[in-house]
N, C-alpha and C. Protein backbone atom coordinates (compact mmCIF):
# COMPACT_ATOMS: atom_id res chain seq x y z
N MET A 1 87.92 65.69 106.38
CA MET A 1 87.35 67.34 106.38
C MET A 1 86.18 67.28 107.42
N GLN A 2 85.65 66.39 107.68
CA GLN A 2 84.54 66.36 108.92
C GLN A 2 85.22 66.84 110.25
N ASP A 3 86.38 66.89 110.44
CA ASP A 3 86.93 67.44 111.80
C ASP A 3 87.57 68.86 111.52
N VAL A 4 87.83 69.13 110.38
CA VAL A 4 88.17 70.50 109.99
C VAL A 4 86.93 71.60 109.98
N ALA A 5 85.92 71.06 109.52
CA ALA A 5 84.72 71.64 109.33
C ALA A 5 83.99 71.59 111.21
N ALA A 6 84.05 70.92 111.67
CA ALA A 6 83.91 70.74 112.85
C ALA A 6 84.48 71.97 113.96
N ARG A 7 85.66 72.01 113.47
CA ARG A 7 86.35 72.98 114.77
C ARG A 7 85.89 74.25 113.85
N PHE A 8 85.96 74.61 112.61
CA PHE A 8 85.75 75.64 111.86
C PHE A 8 84.64 76.52 112.12
N GLU A 9 83.50 75.68 112.13
CA GLU A 9 82.00 76.37 112.21
C GLU A 9 82.22 77.16 113.66
N PRO A 10 82.51 76.51 114.89
CA PRO A 10 82.18 77.35 115.75
C PRO A 10 83.41 78.23 116.20
N GLU A 11 84.38 78.20 115.35
CA GLU A 11 85.39 79.44 115.82
C GLU A 11 85.31 80.43 114.89
N THR A 12 84.28 80.45 113.96
CA THR A 12 84.29 81.43 112.83
C THR A 12 82.48 81.90 113.01
N GLY A 13 81.72 80.89 113.21
CA GLY A 13 80.35 81.24 113.05
C GLY A 13 79.86 80.87 111.99
N LYS A 14 80.70 80.47 111.11
CA LYS A 14 80.03 80.14 109.73
C LYS A 14 79.96 78.87 109.29
N ASN A 15 79.06 78.62 108.52
CA ASN A 15 78.42 77.27 108.22
C ASN A 15 79.11 76.37 107.22
N VAL A 16 79.65 75.33 106.83
CA VAL A 16 80.20 74.89 106.24
C VAL A 16 79.54 73.56 105.57
N LYS A 17 79.16 73.77 103.98
CA LYS A 17 78.52 72.81 103.51
C LYS A 17 79.75 72.00 102.60
N ARG A 18 79.66 70.57 103.07
CA ARG A 18 80.75 69.77 102.24
C ARG A 18 80.29 69.06 101.26
N ILE A 19 80.95 69.22 100.31
CA ILE A 19 80.40 68.24 99.06
C ILE A 19 81.69 67.48 98.90
N PHE A 20 81.16 66.04 98.83
CA PHE A 20 82.39 65.28 98.35
C PHE A 20 82.12 64.68 97.06
N GLY A 21 83.06 64.09 96.21
CA GLY A 21 83.05 63.61 94.68
C GLY A 21 84.49 63.65 94.36
N SER A 22 84.36 63.36 93.16
CA SER A 22 85.74 62.73 92.44
C SER A 22 86.31 63.75 92.29
N SER A 23 87.61 64.12 92.16
CA SER A 23 88.24 65.46 91.95
C SER A 23 88.17 65.50 90.51
N GLY A 24 88.01 64.75 89.79
CA GLY A 24 87.59 65.25 88.04
C GLY A 24 86.12 65.86 88.11
N ASN A 25 85.26 65.14 88.61
CA ASN A 25 83.97 65.60 88.72
C ASN A 25 83.93 67.27 89.17
N LEU A 26 84.35 67.37 90.09
CA LEU A 26 84.42 68.68 91.11
C LEU A 26 85.07 69.66 89.97
N PHE A 27 86.02 69.11 89.63
CA PHE A 27 86.84 70.21 88.61
C PHE A 27 86.22 70.59 87.37
N GLN A 28 85.44 69.54 86.72
CA GLN A 28 84.56 70.11 85.63
C GLN A 28 83.23 71.00 86.28
N GLN A 29 82.87 70.84 87.32
CA GLN A 29 81.73 71.47 87.86
C GLN A 29 82.45 73.22 88.12
N ILE A 30 83.74 73.24 88.65
CA ILE A 30 84.23 74.53 88.95
C ILE A 30 84.77 75.18 87.54
N GLN A 31 84.91 74.20 86.32
CA GLN A 31 85.49 74.92 85.28
C GLN A 31 84.19 75.82 84.72
N ASN A 32 82.98 75.12 84.99
CA ASN A 32 81.66 75.48 84.49
C ASN A 32 81.03 76.18 85.40
N GLY A 33 81.43 76.89 86.44
CA GLY A 33 80.90 78.03 87.43
C GLY A 33 80.26 77.61 88.31
N ALA A 34 80.64 76.27 88.92
CA ALA A 34 80.02 75.94 90.10
C ALA A 34 80.52 76.98 91.42
N PRO A 35 79.89 77.16 92.24
CA PRO A 35 80.06 78.36 93.47
C PRO A 35 81.00 77.76 94.35
N PHE A 36 81.87 77.06 94.43
CA PHE A 36 82.77 76.38 95.19
C PHE A 36 83.94 77.59 95.90
N ASP A 37 83.88 77.63 97.31
CA ASP A 37 84.78 78.16 98.06
C ASP A 37 86.03 77.85 98.08
N MET A 38 86.15 76.52 98.25
CA MET A 38 87.41 75.67 98.29
C MET A 38 87.27 74.49 97.65
N PHE A 39 88.56 74.10 97.36
CA PHE A 39 88.50 72.71 96.17
C PHE A 39 89.67 71.90 96.96
N PHE A 40 89.48 70.89 97.65
CA PHE A 40 90.48 70.04 98.16
C PHE A 40 90.55 68.83 97.24
N SER A 41 91.93 68.54 96.67
CA SER A 41 91.86 67.50 95.62
C SER A 41 92.81 66.40 95.81
N ALA A 42 92.89 65.08 95.82
CA ALA A 42 94.08 64.13 95.78
C ALA A 42 94.94 64.27 94.58
N ASN A 43 94.23 64.51 93.51
CA ASN A 43 95.05 64.79 92.33
C ASN A 43 95.46 66.06 92.50
N LEU A 44 96.72 66.51 92.09
CA LEU A 44 97.49 67.81 92.10
C LEU A 44 97.46 68.37 90.73
N ASP A 45 97.13 67.56 89.91
CA ASP A 45 96.80 68.09 88.42
C ASP A 45 95.78 69.22 88.06
N TYR A 46 94.47 68.95 88.79
CA TYR A 46 93.35 69.76 89.02
C TYR A 46 93.38 71.01 89.09
N PRO A 47 93.81 71.37 90.61
CA PRO A 47 94.02 72.63 90.73
C PRO A 47 95.15 73.29 90.31
N LYS A 48 96.14 72.61 89.72
CA LYS A 48 97.03 73.31 89.19
C LYS A 48 96.48 73.85 87.53
N LYS A 49 95.78 73.00 87.04
CA LYS A 49 94.87 73.38 85.88
C LYS A 49 93.99 74.64 86.13
N LEU A 50 93.12 74.70 87.03
CA LEU A 50 92.42 75.71 87.52
C LEU A 50 92.86 76.90 87.65
N GLN A 51 94.28 76.95 88.43
CA GLN A 51 95.35 77.79 88.69
C GLN A 51 95.69 78.58 87.13
N ALA A 52 96.09 77.71 86.37
CA ALA A 52 96.63 78.04 84.95
C ALA A 52 95.68 78.55 83.96
N ALA A 53 94.08 78.34 84.29
CA ALA A 53 93.20 78.81 83.70
C ALA A 53 92.58 79.94 84.44
N GLY A 54 93.42 80.62 85.45
CA GLY A 54 93.01 81.89 86.21
C GLY A 54 91.45 81.66 86.70
N LEU A 55 91.18 80.38 87.17
CA LEU A 55 89.92 80.13 87.88
C LEU A 55 90.02 80.04 89.67
N ILE A 56 91.45 80.48 90.26
CA ILE A 56 91.38 80.49 91.43
C ILE A 56 91.79 81.58 91.76
N GLU A 57 92.12 82.11 93.24
CA GLU A 57 92.59 83.18 93.57
C GLU A 57 93.98 82.86 93.32
N ASN A 58 94.65 84.08 92.87
CA ASN A 58 96.13 83.63 93.11
C ASN A 58 96.84 83.53 94.25
N GLY A 59 97.63 82.68 94.30
CA GLY A 59 98.34 82.36 95.73
C GLY A 59 97.86 81.46 96.60
N SER A 60 96.47 80.73 96.04
CA SER A 60 95.78 80.13 96.96
C SER A 60 95.74 78.69 96.65
N TYR A 61 96.62 78.17 95.80
CA TYR A 61 97.06 76.95 95.75
C TYR A 61 98.09 76.45 96.51
N TYR A 62 98.00 75.74 97.02
CA TYR A 62 99.17 74.61 98.08
C TYR A 62 98.79 73.43 98.03
N ARG A 63 100.03 72.54 98.41
CA ARG A 63 99.86 71.34 98.64
C ARG A 63 99.38 71.17 100.09
N TYR A 64 98.54 70.70 100.60
CA TYR A 64 97.93 70.53 101.75
C TYR A 64 98.38 69.33 102.86
N ALA A 65 98.77 68.08 101.88
CA ALA A 65 98.89 67.01 102.21
C ALA A 65 99.46 66.24 101.81
N ALA A 66 100.23 65.16 102.05
CA ALA A 66 101.14 64.20 101.28
C ALA A 66 100.84 62.69 101.89
N GLY A 67 100.62 61.85 101.25
CA GLY A 67 100.41 60.44 101.74
C GLY A 67 101.77 59.44 101.28
N GLN A 68 101.41 58.02 101.88
CA GLN A 68 102.06 57.04 101.46
C GLN A 68 101.11 55.85 101.16
N ASN A 69 101.76 54.99 100.17
CA ASN A 69 101.12 53.99 100.27
C ASN A 69 101.64 52.78 101.15
N ARG A 70 100.59 52.03 101.49
CA ARG A 70 101.26 50.87 102.51
C ARG A 70 100.49 49.43 101.96
N GLY A 71 101.13 48.35 102.15
CA GLY A 71 100.50 47.23 101.88
C GLY A 71 100.70 46.08 103.17
N TRP A 72 99.88 45.26 103.22
CA TRP A 72 100.07 44.34 104.33
C TRP A 72 99.62 42.93 103.42
N VAL A 73 100.54 41.85 104.05
CA VAL A 73 100.41 40.25 103.35
C VAL A 73 100.29 39.60 104.62
N PRO A 74 99.73 38.35 104.42
CA PRO A 74 99.69 37.24 105.25
C PRO A 74 101.03 36.97 105.81
N LYS A 75 100.91 36.38 107.14
CA LYS A 75 102.45 35.90 107.54
C LYS A 75 103.22 34.84 106.62
N ASP A 76 102.18 34.18 106.11
CA ASP A 76 102.61 33.10 105.15
C ASP A 76 102.85 33.33 104.01
N PHE A 77 102.96 34.68 103.30
CA PHE A 77 103.18 35.10 102.03
C PHE A 77 104.55 34.71 101.36
N LYS A 78 104.28 33.98 100.32
CA LYS A 78 105.66 33.23 99.81
C LYS A 78 106.21 34.18 98.62
N ILE A 79 105.88 35.22 98.43
CA ILE A 79 106.56 35.95 97.47
C ILE A 79 107.46 36.88 98.00
N ASN A 80 108.98 37.08 97.45
CA ASN A 80 109.84 37.80 97.78
C ASN A 80 109.47 39.41 97.90
N LEU A 81 109.30 40.01 98.95
CA LEU A 81 108.82 41.41 99.25
C LEU A 81 109.95 42.25 99.13
N THR A 82 111.05 41.98 98.87
CA THR A 82 112.73 42.86 98.87
C THR A 82 112.68 43.41 97.72
N SER A 83 111.94 43.37 96.61
CA SER A 83 111.83 43.76 95.21
C SER A 83 111.00 45.21 94.99
N GLY A 84 110.57 45.46 96.29
CA GLY A 84 109.56 46.80 96.21
C GLY A 84 108.48 46.58 95.29
N LEU A 85 108.25 47.46 94.73
CA LEU A 85 106.56 47.25 93.79
C LEU A 85 106.63 46.59 92.83
N LYS A 86 107.80 46.22 92.46
CA LYS A 86 108.30 45.11 91.33
C LYS A 86 107.20 43.83 91.93
N VAL A 87 107.05 43.51 93.06
CA VAL A 87 106.61 42.75 93.60
C VAL A 87 104.69 42.37 92.66
N LEU A 88 104.10 43.34 92.54
CA LEU A 88 103.10 43.52 91.92
C LEU A 88 103.09 42.55 90.88
N LEU A 89 103.96 42.58 89.88
CA LEU A 89 104.25 41.76 88.65
C LEU A 89 104.24 40.36 88.87
N ASP A 90 104.76 39.68 90.15
CA ASP A 90 104.88 38.23 90.24
C ASP A 90 103.47 37.79 89.81
N PRO A 91 103.52 36.80 89.06
CA PRO A 91 102.18 35.98 88.61
C PRO A 91 101.75 35.08 89.97
N SER A 92 102.91 35.09 91.14
CA SER A 92 102.13 34.28 91.67
C SER A 92 101.13 34.92 92.82
N GLY A 93 101.29 36.37 92.64
CA GLY A 93 100.06 37.03 93.71
C GLY A 93 98.55 37.03 92.99
N LYS A 94 97.68 36.70 93.65
CA LYS A 94 96.35 36.58 93.00
C LYS A 94 95.31 37.82 93.47
N LYS A 95 95.61 38.36 94.20
CA LYS A 95 94.88 39.77 94.89
C LYS A 95 95.43 40.63 95.36
């Protein structure tokens, strides 16, 4: 967001005030009338609920990014990683 605002401001001449917080807290603020112009949320449910409640501009909701989870393990890791996320259930793992 810092990079996006840094490019947007000189191109438009408009100042961007960035407010960071949990999606849930910002969602509640918007429901209660907080004057946000844009809302970026990692949780897709919050903007969908705002749209269903008629609290956002029609057609303005869109998925702006997609991510992937990654994990790293030490070279001497003893647990078999071929089982995918089920490896997290192995009691040998500690952290």
